[in-house]
């Protein structure tokens, strides 16, 4: 059982679920959250989807009501930036000079959008998407578009955030262009086979895809953005630009404290119980590099389900639990009328031999399996529901899975 104050540094879902679990598990000691943003901890998937489109209110992004923290005697410090952790003294220092002692510490510091190193990045009308305020500023451009006619949005980056925002912007009537480095959207994550499913989906909804394209500058006039210049000389006209070129884990606090950083994943090295290289410090969410026995390696996953599951697991470990983190990497996405769930892990094109599809790509109702040496490494269900437990069983099955079994998975 943890002794002394438990301090949680972070303002996302992992932090919220960790403190909720601490109280649910009966921990009655002091609990303090240090959250950099001026809000109680919140979750981020709605920021590129229904919250961005104005379909739900702000309260829907908070997993715990404001009153919950006071009712459960959790001290919530918002707008408080942790600047140093002293693992020898067991203290956390804030930017305003305050310092707090901890018995056990959880780092759930999340990640930051990767900055695009090109001229014009600071022009008015250039956005990134990470915070509530980011989403609200972007939503204001959608609303202006609806009032004034179709505005023009250019998105640099063809990953999940970029494509989800593209779908939301098209629903608002905006003219949307997506600039991606690969031949297919999501190519680094899904490979060409399933990446092109999303490429065709966006083309059918009127998105202009610029493939194998590199942004060389954000252009502007009188301080306001006018578009994106590409390396091949093309200019993508735009009134608004979203830069969505990935994220960088916030490991600076951990690294400065002397905690080990995984050079392969960029995350904080964690054990199977989410304990760092200091026995009194645990980690969860975007920054956690966690060993997965199924894949024989550590993996860092920047998705909602990771925060949802690792926050509680870390909390129980801080209270003495020793069971290894059991969940396979999982994520989901909703774009237009296509919803998907993905389970498992594929580390690039060399990590699989084939993609086996059951169902119909044309109808976008299918389950795709990434297979290596006959074993299922990952599976993605597109508009097919309640099959993730079956996909999980296939991933965990020892030895090869017959191709005919996979092809007949969707009956």
Protein backbone atom coordinates (compact mmCIF):
# COMPACT_ATOMS: atom_id res chain seq x y z
CA UNK A 1 0.00 0.00 0.00
CA UNK A 2 1.30 3.42 -0.94
CA UNK A 3 2.47 5.58 1.94
CA UNK A 4 2.28 9.35 2.06
CA UNK A 5 0.76 11.70 -0.49
CA UNK A 6 0.14 10.48 -4.01
CA UNK A 7 0.83 13.19 -6.57
CA UNK A 8 -0.39 12.89 -10.16
CA UNK A 9 1.17 15.19 -12.75
CA UNK A 10 -1.08 15.48 -15.78
CA UNK A 11 -4.41 16.84 -16.93
CA UNK A 12 -5.74 14.14 -19.23
CA UNK A 13 -7.84 11.02 -19.02
CA UNK A 14 -5.07 8.92 -17.47
CA UNK A 15 -4.84 11.32 -14.53
CA UNK A 16 -8.61 11.39 -13.99
CA UNK A 17 -8.98 7.61 -14.12
CA UNK A 18 -5.97 7.11 -11.84
CA UNK A 19 -7.33 9.25 -9.02
CA UNK A 20 -10.80 7.78 -9.44
CA UNK A 21 -9.32 4.29 -9.07
CA UNK A 22 -7.28 5.27 -6.02
CA UNK A 23 -10.44 6.26 -4.21
CA UNK A 24 -12.44 3.31 -5.53
CA UNK A 25 -9.72 0.97 -4.26
CA UNK A 26 -9.96 2.45 -0.79
CA UNK A 27 -6.89 4.68 -0.63
CA UNK A 28 -7.72 7.34 1.96
CA UNK A 29 -4.45 9.26 2.01
CA UNK A 30 -3.75 12.62 0.42
CA UNK A 31 -4.11 12.81 -3.37
CA UNK A 32 -3.05 15.83 -5.40
CA UNK A 33 -3.32 16.47 -9.16
CA UNK A 34 -1.04 18.98 -10.87
CA UNK A 35 -2.66 19.95 -14.20
CA UNK A 36 -0.94 22.45 -16.49
CA UNK A 37 -4.11 23.59 -18.26
CA UNK A 38 -6.78 25.72 -16.54
CA UNK A 39 -9.28 22.83 -16.56
CA UNK A 40 -9.88 19.69 -14.59
CA UNK A 41 -8.59 16.60 -16.46
CA UNK A 42 -10.37 15.92 -19.74
CA UNK A 43 -10.27 13.53 -22.69
CA UNK A 44 -9.25 14.57 -26.18
CA UNK A 45 -10.98 12.46 -28.89
CA UNK A 46 -14.03 14.79 -29.06
CA UNK A 47 -11.73 17.70 -29.91
CA UNK A 48 -11.39 16.49 -33.51
CA UNK A 49 -14.90 15.10 -33.83
CA UNK A 50 -18.25 15.91 -32.21
CA UNK A 51 -17.01 18.71 -29.92
CA UNK A 52 -15.23 20.35 -32.85
CA UNK A 53 -18.45 20.14 -34.87
CA UNK A 54 -20.49 21.68 -32.06
CA UNK A 55 -22.62 18.59 -31.59
CA UNK A 56 -21.86 18.20 -27.87
CA UNK A 57 -21.16 20.63 -25.07
CA UNK A 58 -17.94 21.21 -23.19
CA UNK A 59 -19.04 19.19 -20.15
CA UNK A 60 -18.98 16.00 -22.22
CA UNK A 61 -15.16 15.99 -22.42
CA UNK A 62 -14.69 15.74 -18.64
CA UNK A 63 -14.73 12.17 -17.27
CA UNK A 64 -15.33 13.39 -13.70
CA UNK A 65 -17.70 16.12 -12.56
CA UNK A 66 -16.13 19.19 -11.02
CA UNK A 67 -17.69 18.35 -7.65
CA UNK A 68 -16.18 14.85 -7.68
CA UNK A 69 -12.72 16.11 -6.71
CA UNK A 70 -13.91 17.96 -3.61
CA UNK A 71 -16.34 15.19 -2.70
CA UNK A 72 -13.50 12.65 -2.79
CA UNK A 73 -10.92 14.88 -1.11
CA UNK A 74 -8.67 15.15 -4.15
CA UNK A 75 -6.74 18.41 -4.33
CA UNK A 76 -6.88 19.68 -7.90
CA UNK A 77 -4.32 22.28 -8.94
CA UNK A 78 -5.17 23.65 -12.38
CA UNK A 79 -3.03 26.06 -14.36
CA UNK A 80 -0.08 24.64 -12.44
CA UNK A 81 3.01 23.60 -14.38
CA UNK A 82 5.39 21.12 -12.79
CA UNK A 83 8.97 22.13 -13.60
CA UNK A 84 11.07 19.65 -11.62
CA UNK A 85 10.91 16.29 -9.90
CA UNK A 86 13.53 15.41 -7.27
CA UNK A 87 13.35 11.64 -6.87
CA UNK A 88 15.85 11.64 -4.01
CA UNK A 89 13.87 14.17 -1.97
CA UNK A 90 10.54 12.94 -3.37
CA UNK A 91 9.34 16.41 -4.29
CA UNK A 92 7.60 18.08 -7.21
CA UNK A 93 8.32 21.76 -7.86
CA UNK A 94 5.96 24.07 -9.74
CA UNK A 95 6.68 27.05 -11.96
CA UNK A 96 5.43 29.43 -9.26
CA UNK A 97 8.02 28.10 -6.79
CA UNK A 98 5.75 25.88 -4.72
CA UNK A 99 7.09 22.45 -3.86
CA UNK A 100 5.18 19.35 -2.72
CA UNK A 101 6.39 16.14 -1.17
CA UNK A 102 5.11 12.83 -2.48
CA UNK A 103 5.21 9.27 -1.30
CA UNK A 104 4.34 7.97 -4.75
CA UNK A 105 4.24 9.91 -8.02
CA UNK A 106 2.37 9.25 -11.26
CA UNK A 107 3.58 11.00 -14.40
CA UNK A 108 0.78 11.27 -16.96
CA UNK A 109 2.17 14.26 -18.80
CA UNK A 110 0.84 13.42 -22.27
CA UNK A 111 2.30 14.79 -25.48
CA UNK A 112 2.55 17.96 -27.52
CA UNK A 113 1.86 18.51 -31.23
CA UNK A 114 4.99 18.27 -33.31
CA UNK A 115 5.96 21.67 -34.71
CA UNK A 116 6.39 21.98 -38.46
CA UNK A 117 9.80 23.62 -39.10
CA UNK A 118 8.82 25.84 -42.02
CA UNK A 119 8.49 29.60 -42.58
CA UNK A 120 5.08 31.10 -41.82
CA UNK A 121 4.14 28.74 -39.03
CA UNK A 122 3.22 31.66 -36.73
CA UNK A 123 0.85 33.42 -39.14
CA UNK A 124 -2.70 34.16 -38.05
CA UNK A 125 -4.96 31.33 -39.16
CA UNK A 126 -2.44 28.53 -38.52
CA UNK A 127 -3.72 26.02 -35.97
CA UNK A 128 -2.64 22.93 -34.08
CA UNK A 129 -5.03 20.68 -32.19
CA UNK A 130 -4.31 19.46 -28.68
CA UNK A 131 -6.28 21.49 -26.14
CA UNK A 132 -9.89 22.52 -25.60
CA UNK A 133 -8.97 26.03 -26.66
CA UNK A 134 -7.33 24.73 -29.84
CA UNK A 135 -10.55 22.92 -30.73
CA UNK A 136 -12.69 25.95 -29.95
CA UNK A 137 -10.54 28.24 -32.08
CA UNK A 138 -10.74 25.81 -34.97
CA UNK A 139 -14.50 25.39 -34.46
CA UNK A 140 -14.89 29.16 -34.78
CA UNK A 141 -13.47 28.95 -38.30
CA UNK A 142 -16.04 26.25 -39.13
CA UNK A 143 -18.83 28.48 -37.85
CA UNK A 144 -17.55 31.43 -39.87
CA UNK A 145 -17.46 29.18 -42.92
CA UNK A 146 -21.08 28.16 -42.39
CA UNK A 147 -22.10 31.82 -42.15
CA UNK A 148 -20.07 33.14 -45.03
CA UNK A 149 -19.95 30.22 -47.44
CA UNK A 150 -17.35 27.52 -47.90
CA UNK A 151 -14.01 28.52 -46.42
CA UNK A 152 -10.79 26.78 -47.42
CA UNK A 153 -8.93 24.57 -44.94
CA UNK A 154 -5.53 23.04 -45.67
CA UNK A 155 -4.36 20.26 -43.36
CA UNK A 156 -0.67 19.41 -43.27
CA UNK A 157 -0.55 15.79 -42.17
CA UNK A 158 -2.61 12.77 -43.18
CA UNK A 159 -2.72 10.90 -39.87
CA UNK A 160 -5.74 10.29 -37.64
CA UNK A 161 -6.08 13.85 -36.32
CA UNK A 162 -5.74 15.40 -39.77
CA UNK A 163 -8.28 13.08 -41.36
CA UNK A 164 -10.79 13.35 -38.52
CA UNK A 165 -10.64 17.13 -38.74
CA UNK A 166 -10.97 16.89 -42.53
CA UNK A 167 -14.20 14.91 -42.11
CA UNK A 168 -15.52 17.39 -39.54
CA UNK A 169 -14.64 20.35 -41.76
CA UNK A 170 -16.36 18.83 -44.77
CA UNK A 171 -19.51 18.40 -42.66
CA UNK A 172 -19.32 22.15 -42.01
CA UNK A 173 -19.16 22.83 -45.74
CA UNK A 174 -15.51 23.80 -45.93
CA UNK A 175 -13.31 23.16 -48.93
CA UNK A 176 -10.61 20.83 -47.56
CA UNK A 177 -7.14 19.90 -48.81
CA UNK A 178 -4.89 17.36 -47.08
CA UNK A 179 -1.12 17.37 -47.61
CA UNK A 180 0.53 14.03 -46.85
CA UNK A 181 4.05 12.69 -47.24
CA UNK A 182 2.98 9.17 -48.20
CA UNK A 183 1.36 7.68 -51.27
CA UNK A 184 -1.66 6.84 -49.12
CA UNK A 185 -3.17 8.51 -46.05
CA UNK A 186 -2.33 6.71 -42.79
CA UNK A 187 0.29 4.71 -44.65
CA UNK A 188 2.68 4.57 -41.69
CA UNK A 189 -0.05 3.17 -39.45
CA UNK A 190 -2.18 1.01 -41.72
CA UNK A 191 0.06 0.37 -44.71
CA UNK A 192 -1.02 1.01 -48.31
CA UNK A 193 -3.85 -1.54 -48.33
CA UNK A 194 -6.05 -0.07 -45.61
CA UNK A 195 -4.61 3.43 -45.88
CA UNK A 196 -6.10 3.69 -49.35
CA UNK A 197 -9.51 2.78 -47.96
CA UNK A 198 -9.37 6.12 -46.14
CA UNK A 199 -7.88 7.84 -49.15
CA UNK A 200 -10.84 6.88 -51.29
CA UNK A 201 -13.29 7.71 -48.51
CA UNK A 202 -12.04 11.30 -48.33
CA UNK A 203 -11.87 11.72 -52.09
CA UNK A 204 -15.50 10.61 -52.34
CA UNK A 205 -16.39 13.31 -49.81
CA UNK A 206 -14.66 16.01 -51.84
CA UNK A 207 -11.33 16.28 -50.02
CA UNK A 208 -8.36 17.23 -52.20
CA UNK A 209 -5.53 14.83 -51.37
CA UNK A 210 -1.96 15.89 -52.10
CA UNK A 211 0.06 12.69 -51.98
CA UNK A 212 3.84 12.37 -51.66
CA UNK A 213 3.78 16.08 -50.87
CA UNK A 214 5.93 18.08 -48.50
CA UNK A 215 5.03 21.49 -47.11
CA UNK A 216 7.91 23.91 -47.58
CA UNK A 217 6.23 27.05 -46.19
CA UNK A 218 3.00 28.48 -44.87
CA UNK A 219 2.23 31.50 -47.02
CA UNK A 220 0.54 34.68 -45.93
CA UNK A 221 -0.35 38.25 -46.69
CA UNK A 222 -0.40 41.08 -44.16
CA UNK A 223 0.12 38.58 -41.34
CA UNK A 224 -2.75 36.26 -42.30
CA UNK A 225 -2.39 32.84 -43.83
CA UNK A 226 -3.11 32.38 -47.54
CA UNK A 227 -2.12 28.75 -48.02
CA UNK A 228 0.62 26.14 -48.05
CA UNK A 229 3.54 26.06 -50.46
CA UNK A 230 4.69 22.57 -51.41
CA UNK A 231 8.21 21.48 -52.29
CA UNK A 232 7.20 20.67 -55.88
CA UNK A 233 6.08 24.27 -56.47
CA UNK A 234 2.35 23.66 -55.94
CA UNK A 235 0.44 26.17 -53.83
CA UNK A 236 -2.57 25.02 -51.81
CA UNK A 237 -4.84 28.02 -51.29
CA UNK A 238 -6.35 28.23 -47.81
CA UNK A 239 -7.92 30.63 -45.36
CA UNK A 240 -7.14 28.31 -42.44
CA UNK A 241 -4.26 25.83 -41.99
CA UNK A 242 -4.12 22.97 -39.51
CA UNK A 243 -0.72 21.44 -38.81
CA UNK A 244 -1.20 17.82 -37.74
CA UNK A 245 2.16 16.13 -38.21
CA UNK A 246 2.25 13.97 -35.11
CA UNK A 247 3.03 14.45 -31.45
CA UNK A 248 6.06 14.39 -29.15
CA UNK A 249 5.78 12.82 -25.68
CA UNK A 250 6.33 15.19 -22.77
CA UNK A 251 9.25 13.36 -21.18
CA UNK A 252 11.33 16.41 -20.21
CA UNK A 253 10.26 16.28 -16.56
CA UNK A 254 11.05 12.56 -16.32
CA UNK A 255 14.36 12.85 -18.16
CA UNK A 256 15.56 15.74 -16.00
CA UNK A 257 14.69 13.67 -12.92
CA UNK A 258 17.01 10.92 -14.13
CA UNK A 259 14.35 8.43 -15.17
CA UNK A 260 15.28 6.19 -18.10
CA UNK A 261 13.94 7.12 -21.54
CA UNK A 262 13.39 4.49 -24.22
CA UNK A 263 15.39 5.58 -27.26
CA UNK A 264 13.26 3.42 -29.57
CA UNK A 265 9.85 4.79 -28.57
CA UNK A 266 10.76 8.15 -27.05
CA UNK A 267 8.75 7.33 -23.93
CA UNK A 268 9.58 6.84 -20.28
CA UNK A 269 10.81 3.30 -19.62
CA UNK A 270 8.20 1.40 -17.62
CA UNK A 271 7.92 -2.08 -16.21
CA UNK A 272 4.92 -4.30 -16.86
CA UNK A 273 3.32 -2.72 -13.77
CA UNK A 274 3.96 0.80 -15.17
CA UNK A 275 6.70 1.48 -12.63
CA UNK A 276 9.60 3.59 -13.89
CA UNK A 277 13.26 3.08 -13.07
CA UNK A 278 12.54 4.80 -9.75
CA UNK A 279 10.40 2.57 -7.52
CA UNK A 280 8.27 5.45 -6.27
CA UNK A 281 7.44 6.86 -9.71
CA UNK A 282 4.90 5.38 -12.12
CA UNK A 283 3.87 6.43 -15.61
CA UNK A 284 0.73 6.17 -17.77
CA UNK A 285 -0.65 7.32 -21.10
CA UNK A 286 1.17 8.90 -24.03
CA UNK A 287 4.55 9.00 -22.26
CA UNK A 288 4.66 5.37 -21.11
CA UNK A 289 6.90 2.89 -22.94
CA UNK A 290 5.47 -0.42 -21.76
CA UNK A 291 6.66 -4.00 -22.42
CA UNK A 292 4.18 -6.16 -24.32
CA UNK A 293 4.96 -9.87 -23.99
CA UNK A 294 2.92 -10.70 -27.11
CA UNK A 295 5.23 -8.58 -29.28
CA UNK A 296 8.47 -9.05 -27.38
CA UNK A 297 9.13 -5.33 -27.16
CA UNK A 298 8.10 -2.11 -25.46
CA UNK A 299 5.44 0.01 -27.15
CA UNK A 300 4.25 3.58 -26.59
CA UNK A 301 0.67 4.23 -27.70
CA UNK A 302 -0.86 7.72 -28.04
CA UNK A 303 -4.54 6.86 -27.91
CA UNK A 304 -7.55 7.32 -25.67
CA UNK A 305 -7.84 3.68 -24.64
CA UNK A 306 -4.27 3.67 -23.39
CA UNK A 307 -5.01 6.50 -20.98
CA UNK A 308 -8.34 4.91 -20.03
CA UNK A 309 -6.71 1.62 -19.08
CA UNK A 310 -3.22 2.59 -17.93
CA UNK A 311 -4.40 5.24 -15.46
CA UNK A 312 -6.31 2.70 -13.34
CA UNK A 313 -3.58 0.05 -13.75
CA UNK A 314 -0.92 2.45 -12.50
CA UNK A 315 -3.15 3.44 -9.57
CA UNK A 316 -3.56 -0.17 -8.49
CA UNK A 317 0.17 -0.77 -8.90
CA UNK A 318 0.89 2.23 -6.66
CA UNK A 319 -1.29 0.54 -4.07
CA UNK A 320 0.68 -2.69 -4.30
CA UNK A 321 -0.78 -4.68 -7.21
CA UNK A 322 1.83 -6.64 -9.17
CA UNK A 323 -0.10 -7.93 -12.18
CA UNK A 324 1.33 -6.88 -15.57
CA UNK A 325 -0.53 -4.46 -17.78
CA UNK A 326 -2.73 -6.77 -19.88
CA UNK A 327 -4.27 -4.64 -22.64
CA UNK A 328 -3.24 -4.81 -26.28
CA UNK A 329 -2.86 -1.47 -28.07
CA UNK A 330 -6.30 -0.27 -29.19
CA UNK A 331 -7.68 2.78 -30.94
CA UNK A 332 -10.75 3.89 -32.84
CA UNK A 333 -11.76 6.54 -35.33
CA UNK A 334 -15.03 7.92 -36.71
CA UNK A 335 -14.97 9.66 -40.11
CA UNK A 336 -18.13 10.38 -42.11
CA UNK A 337 -20.17 7.16 -41.97
CA UNK A 338 -17.14 4.95 -41.37
CA UNK A 339 -16.25 3.83 -37.85
CA UNK A 340 -13.33 1.58 -37.07
CA UNK A 341 -11.65 -0.19 -34.18
CA UNK A 342 -8.04 -1.38 -34.32
CA UNK A 343 -6.43 -3.85 -31.94
CA UNK A 344 -2.83 -5.02 -31.86
CA UNK A 345 0.45 -3.66 -33.13
CA UNK A 346 2.34 -3.61 -36.42
CA UNK A 347 5.70 -1.85 -36.41
CA UNK A 348 5.87 -0.77 -40.03
CA UNK A 349 5.74 -2.58 -43.38
CA UNK A 350 8.37 -5.16 -42.44
CA UNK A 351 6.31 -6.36 -39.50
CA UNK A 352 3.71 -8.15 -41.62
CA UNK A 353 3.62 -10.36 -44.69
CA UNK A 354 0.03 -9.88 -45.76
CA UNK A 355 -3.26 -8.17 -45.03
CA UNK A 356 -6.16 -10.62 -45.07
CA UNK A 357 -9.60 -9.07 -45.50
CA UNK A 358 -12.89 -10.59 -44.49
CA UNK A 359 -15.97 -8.74 -45.74
CA UNK A 360 -16.23 -6.00 -48.34
CA UNK A 361 -13.78 -3.15 -48.84
CA UNK A 362 -16.13 -1.65 -51.45
CA UNK A 363 -19.01 -1.56 -48.95
CA UNK A 364 -16.62 -0.55 -46.11
CA UNK A 365 -17.87 -3.36 -43.92
CA UNK A 366 -14.94 -5.59 -43.12
CA UNK A 367 -12.33 -6.86 -40.74
CA UNK A 368 -8.69 -6.69 -41.89
CA UNK A 369 -5.94 -8.79 -40.33
CA UNK A 370 -2.21 -8.04 -40.47
CA UNK A 371 -0.41 -11.39 -40.60
CA UNK A 372 3.26 -12.28 -40.03
CA UNK A 373 4.48 -15.87 -40.44
CA UNK A 374 0.87 -16.99 -40.24
CA UNK A 375 0.20 -15.26 -36.91
CA UNK A 376 -2.29 -12.40 -36.55
CA UNK A 377 -0.44 -9.30 -35.37
CA UNK A 378 -3.37 -6.86 -35.48
CA UNK A 379 -6.95 -6.54 -36.65
CA UNK A 380 -9.14 -3.64 -37.72
CA UNK A 381 -12.93 -3.78 -37.81
CA UNK A 382 -14.60 -1.26 -40.14
CA UNK A 383 -18.36 -0.85 -39.54
CA UNK A 384 -18.36 -4.33 -37.99
CA UNK A 385 -19.33 -4.42 -34.33
CA UNK A 386 -18.75 -6.56 -31.24
CA UNK A 387 -15.90 -8.62 -32.70
CA UNK A 388 -12.89 -7.20 -30.87
CA UNK A 389 -12.81 -10.01 -28.31
CA UNK A 390 -12.65 -12.48 -31.19
CA UNK A 391 -9.87 -10.46 -32.82
CA UNK A 392 -8.01 -10.43 -29.50
CA UNK A 393 -8.25 -14.21 -29.24
CA UNK A 394 -6.74 -14.57 -32.72
CA UNK A 395 -3.86 -12.24 -31.85
CA UNK A 396 -3.09 -14.22 -28.71
CA UNK A 397 -3.38 -17.61 -30.39
CA UNK A 398 -0.11 -19.53 -30.39
CA UNK A 399 1.04 -20.42 -33.86
CA UNK A 400 -0.41 -19.73 -37.29
CA UNK A 401 -4.07 -19.05 -38.03
CA UNK A 402 -5.52 -20.64 -41.14
CA UNK A 403 -6.14 -18.04 -43.86
CA UNK A 404 -9.57 -19.50 -44.62
CA UNK A 405 -10.59 -18.89 -41.00
CA UNK A 406 -9.65 -15.23 -41.33
CA UNK A 407 -11.36 -14.78 -44.69
CA UNK A 408 -14.61 -16.18 -43.28
CA UNK A 409 -14.43 -14.09 -40.10
CA UNK A 410 -17.24 -11.75 -41.25
CA UNK A 411 -20.16 -14.03 -42.07
